[in-house]
Structures are given as C-alpha cells and as structure tokens.
Amino acid sequence: MRNVVFGILVVFFALLSCRSEEDDIQKIDQILNIYMKNSLGRDLFHKKKDTSYFTYVMNDVLGDKDNAPVSSSLKMNPDSTFYIEYIAGAKRIGIDTLDPDNKIYHSVITVSLRKAVNNVAIDTIEEKLEIQYRLTPSVFEVSKVFYNDTLRFTKQPGVSNVVTIVK
C-alpha cells in the first residue's frame, strides 16, 4: 500500500513539474566593464616600466557604513588591455519607482585612483561613478553610467556595457 501511495505522489509531482509557465523569464544584464586611458589612449592600469599607472579602490557611497568596499576585479583583454569588471555589490536606491513596469534605481560609488611612478604612490584622486539600472518585467539592466556627473554610457539593445574613461 505504501508503494502505491509513493508511486502516485511521484507521478503527481512529475506531472506538476512538467506544466508550462506563462511568465516570461527576466533577463539580467548588470555587468559593467570600465576602461581607463590617458589622452594618448594608453591603458592606465597596465604597469609599464618607468610610466605612471593607476590602482583603484571602489567604495559604496550609499552603503550602510562609511567604509563599504565594492567588489570588482581587474581583468585583461586578449590585446593586454586592462579593465575593471563590476558585477554588483553597491546598494541600489530607487529614484523612480512609481511605474511598476519601469523602475529606475541607482548606485553611487567613489573610485579612488592611486597614481604611482616607479611603483611609488604620488597621488590619490577620488572620483564619482553613478550607475543607473532599469527594471521592467522582462529585463534588469544597466541603463546609464555617469562619471563625475558626466554621462558616459547609455544602454543600447544587444550591446555590452562598456565605459571608457579618458583621464
């Protein structure tokens, strides 16, 4: 008798798992690649002999604490160009959440750039990175990126989220 009940339950759950969902799957597109170059087009994260380069630290301005580091990683393209890959981690605050089908959120991050010559730190500058996100029933994506209050990126359908900052 137990085997019959167990068998009926297995068949019931198998049929239940086969039902189709009418809800669409939401696409998530929040990876942001940030390149930093000088006015000559040289990669500022590439450590070259006897030249200046930058290291960086990212801190969440809207975070719960004054010191709220944001995780990111320094990656390299096949052509040896370095970039910051930011996926998530900073707190998002709603700036337009009235329309349930089109909500806008933003994160504000301080980017501390440490300039060095011959591996000796000579200067640290702090700059502001604001990332705006758009949330609809079908997508959650980076929509705009501001660097020092200047619009540097606007999302285009089907295009990667790549921002190039010229220093």
N, C-alpha and C. Protein backbone atom coordinates (compact mmCIF):
# COMPACT_ATOMS: atom_id res chain seq x y z
N MET A 1 0.82 -1.20 0.00
CA MET A 1 0.00 0.00 0.00
C MET A 1 0.87 1.26 0.00
N ARG A 2 1.97 1.27 0.77
CA ARG A 2 2.86 2.42 0.80
C ARG A 2 3.46 2.67 -0.58
N ASN A 3 3.82 1.59 -1.26
CA ASN A 3 4.43 1.74 -2.58
C ASN A 3 3.45 2.36 -3.57
N VAL A 4 2.18 2.04 -3.45
CA VAL A 4 1.17 2.61 -4.35
C VAL A 4 1.03 4.11 -4.08
N VAL A 5 0.95 4.51 -2.79
CA VAL A 5 0.83 5.92 -2.44
C VAL A 5 2.09 6.67 -2.88
N PHE A 6 3.24 6.08 -2.62
CA PHE A 6 4.50 6.70 -3.03
C PHE A 6 4.56 6.85 -4.55
N GLY A 7 4.13 5.85 -5.27
CA GLY A 7 4.12 5.90 -6.74
C GLY A 7 3.19 6.97 -7.26
N ILE A 8 2.02 7.10 -6.65
CA ILE A 8 1.06 8.14 -7.06
C ILE A 8 1.65 9.53 -6.81
N LEU A 9 2.32 9.72 -5.66
CA LEU A 9 2.94 11.01 -5.36
C LEU A 9 4.05 11.34 -6.36
N VAL A 10 4.85 10.34 -6.72
CA VAL A 10 5.92 10.57 -7.68
C VAL A 10 5.34 10.99 -9.03
N VAL A 11 4.31 10.30 -9.48
CA VAL A 11 3.68 10.64 -10.76
C VAL A 11 3.05 12.03 -10.68
N PHE A 12 2.40 12.36 -9.56
CA PHE A 12 1.78 13.66 -9.39
C PHE A 12 2.82 14.78 -9.48
N PHE A 13 3.94 14.64 -8.75
CA PHE A 13 4.97 15.68 -8.78
C PHE A 13 5.67 15.74 -10.13
N ALA A 14 5.81 14.62 -10.80
CA ALA A 14 6.39 14.63 -12.15
C ALA A 14 5.50 15.41 -13.10
N LEU A 15 4.20 15.20 -13.04
CA LEU A 15 3.27 15.94 -13.89
C LEU A 15 3.24 17.42 -13.53
N LEU A 16 3.33 17.71 -12.24
CA LEU A 16 3.33 19.09 -11.77
C LEU A 16 4.56 19.83 -12.29
N SER A 17 5.70 19.16 -12.31
CA SER A 17 6.92 19.81 -12.77
C SER A 17 6.93 20.00 -14.28
N CYS A 18 6.12 19.28 -15.01
CA CYS A 18 6.08 19.40 -16.47
C CYS A 18 5.16 20.51 -16.95
N ARG A 19 4.40 21.11 -16.07
CA ARG A 19 3.48 22.14 -16.53
C ARG A 19 4.26 23.35 -17.04
N SER A 20 3.70 24.04 -17.99
CA SER A 20 4.40 25.18 -18.58
C SER A 20 4.06 26.44 -17.80
N GLU A 21 5.05 27.30 -17.70
CA GLU A 21 4.87 28.58 -17.04
C GLU A 21 4.49 29.62 -18.09
N GLU A 22 3.56 30.47 -17.77
CA GLU A 22 3.18 31.54 -18.69
C GLU A 22 4.03 32.79 -18.48
N ASP A 23 4.73 32.86 -17.33
CA ASP A 23 5.55 34.02 -17.05
C ASP A 23 6.82 33.99 -17.90
N ASP A 24 7.21 35.17 -18.39
CA ASP A 24 8.45 35.28 -19.14
C ASP A 24 9.62 35.28 -18.17
N ILE A 25 10.75 34.86 -18.67
CA ILE A 25 11.97 34.88 -17.88
C ILE A 25 12.57 36.27 -17.98
N GLN A 26 12.98 36.83 -16.84
CA GLN A 26 13.55 38.16 -16.83
C GLN A 26 15.04 38.08 -17.16
N LYS A 27 15.49 38.89 -18.11
CA LYS A 27 16.89 38.95 -18.49
C LYS A 27 17.62 39.90 -17.54
N ILE A 28 18.78 39.48 -17.05
CA ILE A 28 19.58 40.31 -16.15
C ILE A 28 20.87 40.67 -16.87
N ASP A 29 21.12 41.96 -16.99
CA ASP A 29 22.30 42.47 -17.69
C ASP A 29 22.91 43.58 -16.85
N GLN A 30 23.75 43.19 -15.88
CA GLN A 30 24.29 44.20 -14.97
C GLN A 30 25.81 44.21 -14.90
N ILE A 31 26.49 43.48 -15.77
CA ILE A 31 27.95 43.50 -15.77
C ILE A 31 28.42 44.76 -16.49
N LEU A 32 29.33 45.49 -15.84
CA LEU A 32 29.84 46.74 -16.39
C LEU A 32 31.36 46.64 -16.50
N ASN A 33 31.89 46.92 -17.69
CA ASN A 33 33.34 46.93 -17.92
C ASN A 33 33.79 48.37 -18.06
N ILE A 34 34.76 48.77 -17.22
CA ILE A 34 35.24 50.15 -17.19
C ILE A 34 36.70 50.18 -17.61
N TYR A 35 36.98 50.88 -18.70
CA TYR A 35 38.34 51.07 -19.19
C TYR A 35 38.79 52.47 -18.83
N MET A 36 40.05 52.63 -18.44
CA MET A 36 40.61 53.95 -18.15
C MET A 36 41.87 54.13 -18.98
N LYS A 37 41.88 55.24 -19.74
CA LYS A 37 43.01 55.52 -20.63
C LYS A 37 43.43 56.97 -20.45
N ASN A 38 44.68 57.25 -20.81
CA ASN A 38 45.11 58.65 -20.81
C ASN A 38 44.75 59.29 -22.14
N SER A 39 45.07 60.55 -22.31
CA SER A 39 44.68 61.27 -23.53
C SER A 39 45.36 60.72 -24.79
N LEU A 40 46.44 59.97 -24.61
CA LEU A 40 47.12 59.34 -25.75
C LEU A 40 46.56 57.95 -26.06
N GLY A 41 45.57 57.51 -25.27
CA GLY A 41 44.96 56.20 -25.50
C GLY A 41 45.66 55.06 -24.77
N ARG A 42 46.62 55.37 -23.90
CA ARG A 42 47.36 54.34 -23.18
C ARG A 42 46.54 53.85 -21.98
N ASP A 43 46.51 52.55 -21.81
CA ASP A 43 45.80 51.89 -20.72
C ASP A 43 46.44 52.30 -19.38
N LEU A 44 45.65 52.90 -18.49
CA LEU A 44 46.21 53.37 -17.22
C LEU A 44 46.37 52.28 -16.17
N PHE A 45 45.83 51.11 -16.42
CA PHE A 45 46.00 50.01 -15.46
C PHE A 45 47.16 49.09 -15.84
N HIS A 46 47.74 49.28 -17.01
CA HIS A 46 48.82 48.42 -17.46
C HIS A 46 50.13 48.94 -16.87
N LYS A 47 50.80 48.12 -16.10
CA LYS A 47 52.04 48.54 -15.43
C LYS A 47 53.19 48.45 -16.44
N LYS A 48 53.62 49.59 -16.86
CA LYS A 48 54.73 49.66 -17.80
C LYS A 48 55.93 50.27 -17.11
N LYS A 49 57.09 49.87 -17.51
CA LYS A 49 58.34 50.34 -16.90
C LYS A 49 58.47 51.85 -17.05
N ASP A 50 58.78 52.51 -15.95
CA ASP A 50 59.04 53.95 -15.90
C ASP A 50 57.87 54.81 -16.40
N THR A 51 56.66 54.31 -16.29
CA THR A 51 55.50 55.12 -16.66
C THR A 51 54.53 55.14 -15.49
N SER A 52 53.61 56.07 -15.52
CA SER A 52 52.62 56.15 -14.44
C SER A 52 51.50 55.16 -14.72
N TYR A 53 50.89 54.69 -13.66
CA TYR A 53 49.73 53.81 -13.78
C TYR A 53 48.84 54.04 -12.58
N PHE A 54 47.66 53.46 -12.64
CA PHE A 54 46.70 53.63 -11.57
C PHE A 54 46.36 52.28 -10.95
N THR A 55 46.17 52.28 -9.66
CA THR A 55 45.46 51.20 -8.99
C THR A 55 44.18 51.84 -8.47
N TYR A 56 43.25 51.06 -8.05
CA TYR A 56 41.96 51.63 -7.69
C TYR A 56 41.34 50.91 -6.50
N VAL A 57 40.43 51.63 -5.82
CA VAL A 57 39.59 51.07 -4.76
C VAL A 57 38.21 51.65 -4.98
N MET A 58 37.18 50.81 -4.86
CA MET A 58 35.80 51.28 -5.04
C MET A 58 35.06 51.19 -3.71
N ASN A 59 34.33 52.26 -3.35
CA ASN A 59 33.61 52.32 -2.08
C ASN A 59 32.16 52.77 -2.33
N ASP A 60 31.22 52.09 -1.71
CA ASP A 60 29.79 52.37 -1.87
C ASP A 60 29.39 53.61 -1.07
N VAL A 61 29.02 54.68 -1.76
CA VAL A 61 28.62 55.93 -1.11
C VAL A 61 27.29 55.75 -0.36
N LEU A 62 26.37 54.96 -0.91
CA LEU A 62 25.06 54.76 -0.31
C LEU A 62 25.03 53.60 0.68
N GLY A 63 26.18 53.02 0.95
CA GLY A 63 26.26 51.86 1.83
C GLY A 63 25.89 52.19 3.27
N ASP A 64 25.70 51.16 4.06
CA ASP A 64 25.28 51.32 5.45
C ASP A 64 26.40 51.87 6.33
N LYS A 65 27.65 51.72 5.91
CA LYS A 65 28.79 52.21 6.68
C LYS A 65 29.58 53.20 5.83
N ASP A 66 30.44 53.99 6.48
CA ASP A 66 31.29 54.91 5.74
C ASP A 66 32.27 54.17 4.85
N ASN A 67 32.80 53.06 5.35
CA ASN A 67 33.73 52.26 4.57
C ASN A 67 33.00 51.00 4.11
N ALA A 68 32.46 51.04 2.91
CA ALA A 68 31.71 49.91 2.35
C ALA A 68 32.33 49.54 1.01
N PRO A 69 33.42 48.76 1.04
CA PRO A 69 34.09 48.41 -0.22
C PRO A 69 33.16 47.68 -1.18
N VAL A 70 33.35 47.94 -2.45
CA VAL A 70 32.57 47.31 -3.50
C VAL A 70 33.49 46.33 -4.22
N SER A 71 33.01 45.13 -4.41
CA SER A 71 33.85 44.14 -5.08
C SER A 71 33.86 44.37 -6.59
N SER A 72 35.03 44.21 -7.14
CA SER A 72 35.24 44.30 -8.58
C SER A 72 36.54 43.55 -8.86
N SER A 73 36.82 43.36 -10.11
CA SER A 73 38.08 42.68 -10.43
C SER A 73 38.71 43.33 -11.64
N LEU A 74 40.03 43.31 -11.64
CA LEU A 74 40.79 43.84 -12.76
C LEU A 74 41.02 42.69 -13.73
N LYS A 75 40.52 42.84 -14.94
CA LYS A 75 40.63 41.79 -15.95
C LYS A 75 41.41 42.32 -17.14
N MET A 76 41.81 41.39 -18.01
CA MET A 76 42.60 41.78 -19.17
C MET A 76 42.02 41.16 -20.44
N ASN A 77 41.94 41.98 -21.49
CA ASN A 77 41.52 41.51 -22.82
C ASN A 77 42.66 40.73 -23.47
N PRO A 78 42.36 40.00 -24.52
CA PRO A 78 43.44 39.32 -25.26
C PRO A 78 44.51 40.27 -25.80
N ASP A 79 44.15 41.55 -26.02
CA ASP A 79 45.14 42.52 -26.51
C ASP A 79 45.91 43.19 -25.38
N SER A 80 45.85 42.62 -24.16
CA SER A 80 46.57 43.10 -22.97
C SER A 80 46.06 44.43 -22.44
N THR A 81 44.83 44.79 -22.74
CA THR A 81 44.21 45.98 -22.18
C THR A 81 43.46 45.58 -20.92
N PHE A 82 43.74 46.30 -19.82
CA PHE A 82 43.09 46.01 -18.55
C PHE A 82 41.80 46.81 -18.41
N TYR A 83 40.86 46.26 -17.66
CA TYR A 83 39.61 46.96 -17.37
C TYR A 83 39.07 46.46 -16.03
N ILE A 84 38.24 47.29 -15.42
CA ILE A 84 37.56 46.91 -14.17
C ILE A 84 36.25 46.23 -14.56
N GLU A 85 36.03 45.04 -14.03
CA GLU A 85 34.75 44.38 -14.23
C GLU A 85 33.95 44.52 -12.93
N TYR A 86 32.86 45.24 -13.02
CA TYR A 86 31.97 45.42 -11.87
C TYR A 86 30.68 44.68 -12.17
N ILE A 87 30.31 43.78 -11.27
CA ILE A 87 29.09 43.00 -11.48
C ILE A 87 27.97 43.51 -10.59
N ALA A 88 28.20 43.61 -9.32
CA ALA A 88 27.19 44.08 -8.37
C ALA A 88 27.88 44.26 -7.02
N GLY A 89 27.16 44.80 -6.09
CA GLY A 89 27.72 44.92 -4.74
C GLY A 89 27.37 46.23 -4.07
N ALA A 90 27.18 47.27 -4.85
CA ALA A 90 26.81 48.56 -4.26
C ALA A 90 25.30 48.59 -4.03
N LYS A 91 24.92 49.29 -3.00
CA LYS A 91 23.50 49.42 -2.66
C LYS A 91 22.77 50.19 -3.76
N ARG A 92 21.58 49.72 -4.10
CA ARG A 92 20.76 50.38 -5.12
C ARG A 92 19.59 51.07 -4.44
N ILE A 93 19.39 52.32 -4.79
CA ILE A 93 18.29 53.12 -4.24
C ILE A 93 17.36 53.49 -5.40
N GLY A 94 16.07 53.37 -5.17
CA GLY A 94 15.10 53.74 -6.19
C GLY A 94 15.04 55.24 -6.39
N ILE A 95 15.08 55.70 -7.64
CA ILE A 95 14.92 57.12 -7.92
C ILE A 95 13.63 57.39 -8.68
N ASP A 96 13.09 56.38 -9.32
CA ASP A 96 11.77 56.48 -9.95
C ASP A 96 11.14 55.10 -9.90
N THR A 97 10.33 54.88 -8.89
CA THR A 97 9.74 53.55 -8.70
C THR A 97 8.22 53.60 -8.75
N LEU A 98 7.65 54.67 -9.28
CA LEU A 98 6.20 54.79 -9.31
C LEU A 98 5.55 53.88 -10.35
N ASP A 99 6.18 53.73 -11.49
CA ASP A 99 5.65 52.87 -12.55
C ASP A 99 6.12 51.44 -12.29
N PRO A 100 5.23 50.52 -11.95
CA PRO A 100 5.66 49.15 -11.62
C PRO A 100 6.26 48.41 -12.81
N ASP A 101 6.04 48.89 -14.02
CA ASP A 101 6.59 48.24 -15.20
C ASP A 101 7.87 48.88 -15.72
N ASN A 102 8.34 49.94 -15.06
CA ASN A 102 9.58 50.60 -15.48
C ASN A 102 10.15 51.36 -14.28
N LYS A 103 10.96 50.68 -13.49
CA LYS A 103 11.55 51.29 -12.30
C LYS A 103 13.01 51.64 -12.58
N ILE A 104 13.47 52.75 -11.99
CA ILE A 104 14.85 53.19 -12.14
C ILE A 104 15.50 53.20 -10.75
N TYR A 105 16.66 52.56 -10.66
CA TYR A 105 17.45 52.53 -9.44
C TYR A 105 18.84 53.08 -9.75
N HIS A 106 19.57 53.47 -8.71
CA HIS A 106 20.95 53.88 -8.95
C HIS A 106 21.85 53.50 -7.78
N SER A 107 23.12 53.36 -8.10
CA SER A 107 24.18 53.13 -7.13
C SER A 107 25.20 54.25 -7.33
N VAL A 108 25.80 54.69 -6.23
CA VAL A 108 26.84 55.72 -6.31
C VAL A 108 28.09 55.14 -5.65
N ILE A 109 29.19 55.20 -6.38
CA ILE A 109 30.45 54.58 -5.94
C ILE A 109 31.56 55.62 -6.03
N THR A 110 32.39 55.69 -5.00
CA THR A 110 33.60 56.50 -5.06
C THR A 110 34.71 55.62 -5.59
N VAL A 111 35.37 56.08 -6.64
CA VAL A 111 36.51 55.36 -7.20
C VAL A 111 37.76 56.13 -6.80
N SER A 112 38.59 55.51 -5.96
CA SER A 112 39.85 56.12 -5.54
C SER A 112 40.95 55.58 -6.45
N LEU A 113 41.57 56.48 -7.19
CA LEU A 113 42.64 56.11 -8.11
C LEU A 113 43.97 56.54 -7.51
N ARG A 114 44.87 55.61 -7.43
CA ARG A 114 46.19 55.89 -6.87
C ARG A 114 47.21 55.90 -7.99
N LYS A 115 47.76 57.06 -8.23
CA LYS A 115 48.75 57.22 -9.28
C LYS A 115 50.13 56.91 -8.70
N ALA A 116 50.95 56.22 -9.46
CA ALA A 116 52.29 55.86 -8.99
C ALA A 116 53.29 56.02 -10.12
N VAL A 117 54.50 56.32 -9.75
CA VAL A 117 55.61 56.36 -10.68
C VAL A 117 56.69 55.45 -10.11
N ASN A 118 57.15 54.51 -10.93
CA ASN A 118 58.13 53.52 -10.48
C ASN A 118 57.67 52.81 -9.21
N ASN A 119 56.39 52.48 -9.17
CA ASN A 119 55.77 51.77 -8.05
C ASN A 119 55.77 52.54 -6.74
N VAL A 120 55.91 53.86 -6.79
CA VAL A 120 55.84 54.70 -5.60
C VAL A 120 54.62 55.60 -5.74
N ALA A 121 53.68 55.50 -4.77
CA ALA A 121 52.46 56.29 -4.84
C ALA A 121 52.78 57.77 -4.72
N ILE A 122 52.23 58.57 -5.65
CA ILE A 122 52.48 60.01 -5.60
C ILE A 122 51.19 60.82 -5.47
N ASP A 123 50.05 60.21 -5.79
CA ASP A 123 48.81 60.97 -5.76
C ASP A 123 47.62 60.03 -5.68
N THR A 124 46.58 60.44 -4.96
CA THR A 124 45.32 59.70 -4.93
C THR A 124 44.21 60.69 -5.24
N ILE A 125 43.37 60.32 -6.20
CA ILE A 125 42.22 61.16 -6.52
C ILE A 125 40.96 60.33 -6.33
N GLU A 126 39.90 60.99 -5.89
CA GLU A 126 38.62 60.31 -5.71
C GLU A 126 37.63 60.88 -6.72
N GLU A 127 36.95 59.95 -7.41
CA GLU A 127 36.00 60.34 -8.42
C GLU A 127 34.69 59.60 -8.18
N LYS A 128 33.64 60.10 -8.80
CA LYS A 128 32.29 59.57 -8.55
C LYS A 128 31.79 58.79 -9.76
N LEU A 129 31.31 57.59 -9.49
CA LEU A 129 30.71 56.72 -10.51
C LEU A 129 29.26 56.48 -10.10
N GLU A 130 28.34 56.85 -10.97
CA GLU A 130 26.92 56.58 -10.71
C GLU A 130 26.42 55.64 -11.79
N ILE A 131 25.81 54.54 -11.35
CA ILE A 131 25.26 53.56 -12.27
C ILE A 131 23.75 53.56 -12.10
N GLN A 132 23.02 53.77 -13.19
CA GLN A 132 21.56 53.70 -13.14
C GLN A 132 21.12 52.38 -13.78
N TYR A 133 20.13 51.77 -13.14
CA TYR A 133 19.58 50.50 -13.60
C TYR A 133 18.11 50.69 -13.97
N ARG A 134 17.66 49.90 -14.92
CA ARG A 134 16.25 49.91 -15.32
C ARG A 134 15.68 48.52 -15.04
N LEU A 135 14.54 48.49 -14.37
CA LEU A 135 13.86 47.24 -14.04
C LEU A 135 12.48 47.24 -14.67
N THR A 136 12.26 46.28 -15.56
CA THR A 136 10.95 46.06 -16.16
C THR A 136 10.59 44.60 -15.92
N PRO A 137 9.40 44.18 -16.24
CA PRO A 137 9.07 42.77 -16.08
C PRO A 137 9.96 41.84 -16.91
N SER A 138 10.54 42.34 -18.00
CA SER A 138 11.34 41.47 -18.87
C SER A 138 12.84 41.64 -18.72
N VAL A 139 13.32 42.75 -18.10
CA VAL A 139 14.77 42.97 -18.03
C VAL A 139 15.16 43.77 -16.79
N PHE A 140 16.33 43.44 -16.25
CA PHE A 140 17.00 44.26 -15.25
C PHE A 140 18.37 44.54 -15.84
N GLU A 141 18.65 45.83 -16.14
CA GLU A 141 19.88 46.14 -16.86
C GLU A 141 20.47 47.47 -16.43
N VAL A 142 21.78 47.62 -16.70
CA VAL A 142 22.43 48.91 -16.58
C VAL A 142 21.84 49.78 -17.67
N SER A 143 21.37 50.97 -17.32
CA SER A 143 20.78 51.83 -18.35
C SER A 143 21.64 53.05 -18.66
N LYS A 144 22.28 53.63 -17.63
CA LYS A 144 23.15 54.79 -17.84
C LYS A 144 24.29 54.74 -16.84
N VAL A 145 25.42 55.31 -17.24
CA VAL A 145 26.57 55.43 -16.35
C VAL A 145 27.07 56.86 -16.43
N PHE A 146 27.22 57.48 -15.25
CA PHE A 146 27.77 58.82 -15.14
C PHE A 146 29.12 58.72 -14.42
N TYR A 147 30.10 59.45 -14.90
CA TYR A 147 31.40 59.50 -14.24
C TYR A 147 31.69 60.97 -13.97
N ASN A 148 31.84 61.31 -12.70
CA ASN A 148 31.98 62.72 -12.28
C ASN A 148 30.86 63.58 -12.87
N ASP A 149 29.65 63.06 -12.75
CA ASP A 149 28.42 63.74 -13.17
C ASP A 149 28.32 63.97 -14.68
N THR A 150 29.15 63.30 -15.47
CA THR A 150 29.09 63.39 -16.92
C THR A 150 28.60 62.05 -17.46
N LEU A 151 27.56 62.10 -18.30
CA LEU A 151 27.03 60.87 -18.88
C LEU A 151 28.10 60.24 -19.77
N ARG A 152 28.45 58.98 -19.48
CA ARG A 152 29.49 58.28 -20.25
C ARG A 152 28.96 57.06 -20.99
N PHE A 153 27.74 56.62 -20.65
CA PHE A 153 27.21 55.40 -21.26
C PHE A 153 25.69 55.44 -21.20
N THR A 154 25.05 55.08 -22.31
CA THR A 154 23.62 54.86 -22.37
C THR A 154 23.40 53.50 -23.03
N LYS A 155 22.60 52.67 -22.43
CA LYS A 155 22.38 51.30 -22.90
C LYS A 155 21.77 51.29 -24.28
N GLN A 156 22.36 50.48 -25.15
CA GLN A 156 21.83 50.20 -26.48
C GLN A 156 21.49 48.72 -26.52
N PRO A 157 20.35 48.32 -27.03
CA PRO A 157 19.97 46.90 -27.06
C PRO A 157 21.02 46.03 -27.75
N GLY A 158 21.35 44.93 -27.11
CA GLY A 158 22.27 43.97 -27.68
C GLY A 158 23.74 44.34 -27.61
N VAL A 159 24.08 45.46 -26.95
CA VAL A 159 25.47 45.91 -26.86
C VAL A 159 25.95 45.72 -25.43
N SER A 160 27.22 45.32 -25.28
CA SER A 160 27.80 45.13 -23.94
C SER A 160 27.90 46.47 -23.21
N ASN A 161 27.94 46.39 -21.89
CA ASN A 161 28.03 47.57 -21.04
C ASN A 161 29.51 47.93 -20.87
N VAL A 162 30.04 48.74 -21.77
CA VAL A 162 31.45 49.12 -21.77
C VAL A 162 31.55 50.63 -21.67
N VAL A 163 32.32 51.10 -20.68
CA VAL A 163 32.54 52.52 -20.47
C VAL A 163 34.04 52.78 -20.57
N THR A 164 34.43 53.78 -21.35
CA THR A 164 35.84 54.17 -21.44
C THR A 164 35.98 55.57 -20.87
N ILE A 165 36.82 55.69 -19.86
CA ILE A 165 37.09 56.97 -19.21
C ILE A 165 38.47 57.44 -19.67
N VAL A 166 38.53 58.67 -20.20
CA VAL A 166 39.81 59.25 -20.60
C VAL A 166 40.23 60.23 -19.53
N LYS A 167 41.41 60.03 -18.96
CA LYS A 167 41.92 60.87 -17.86
C LYS A 167 43.01 61.77 -18.38
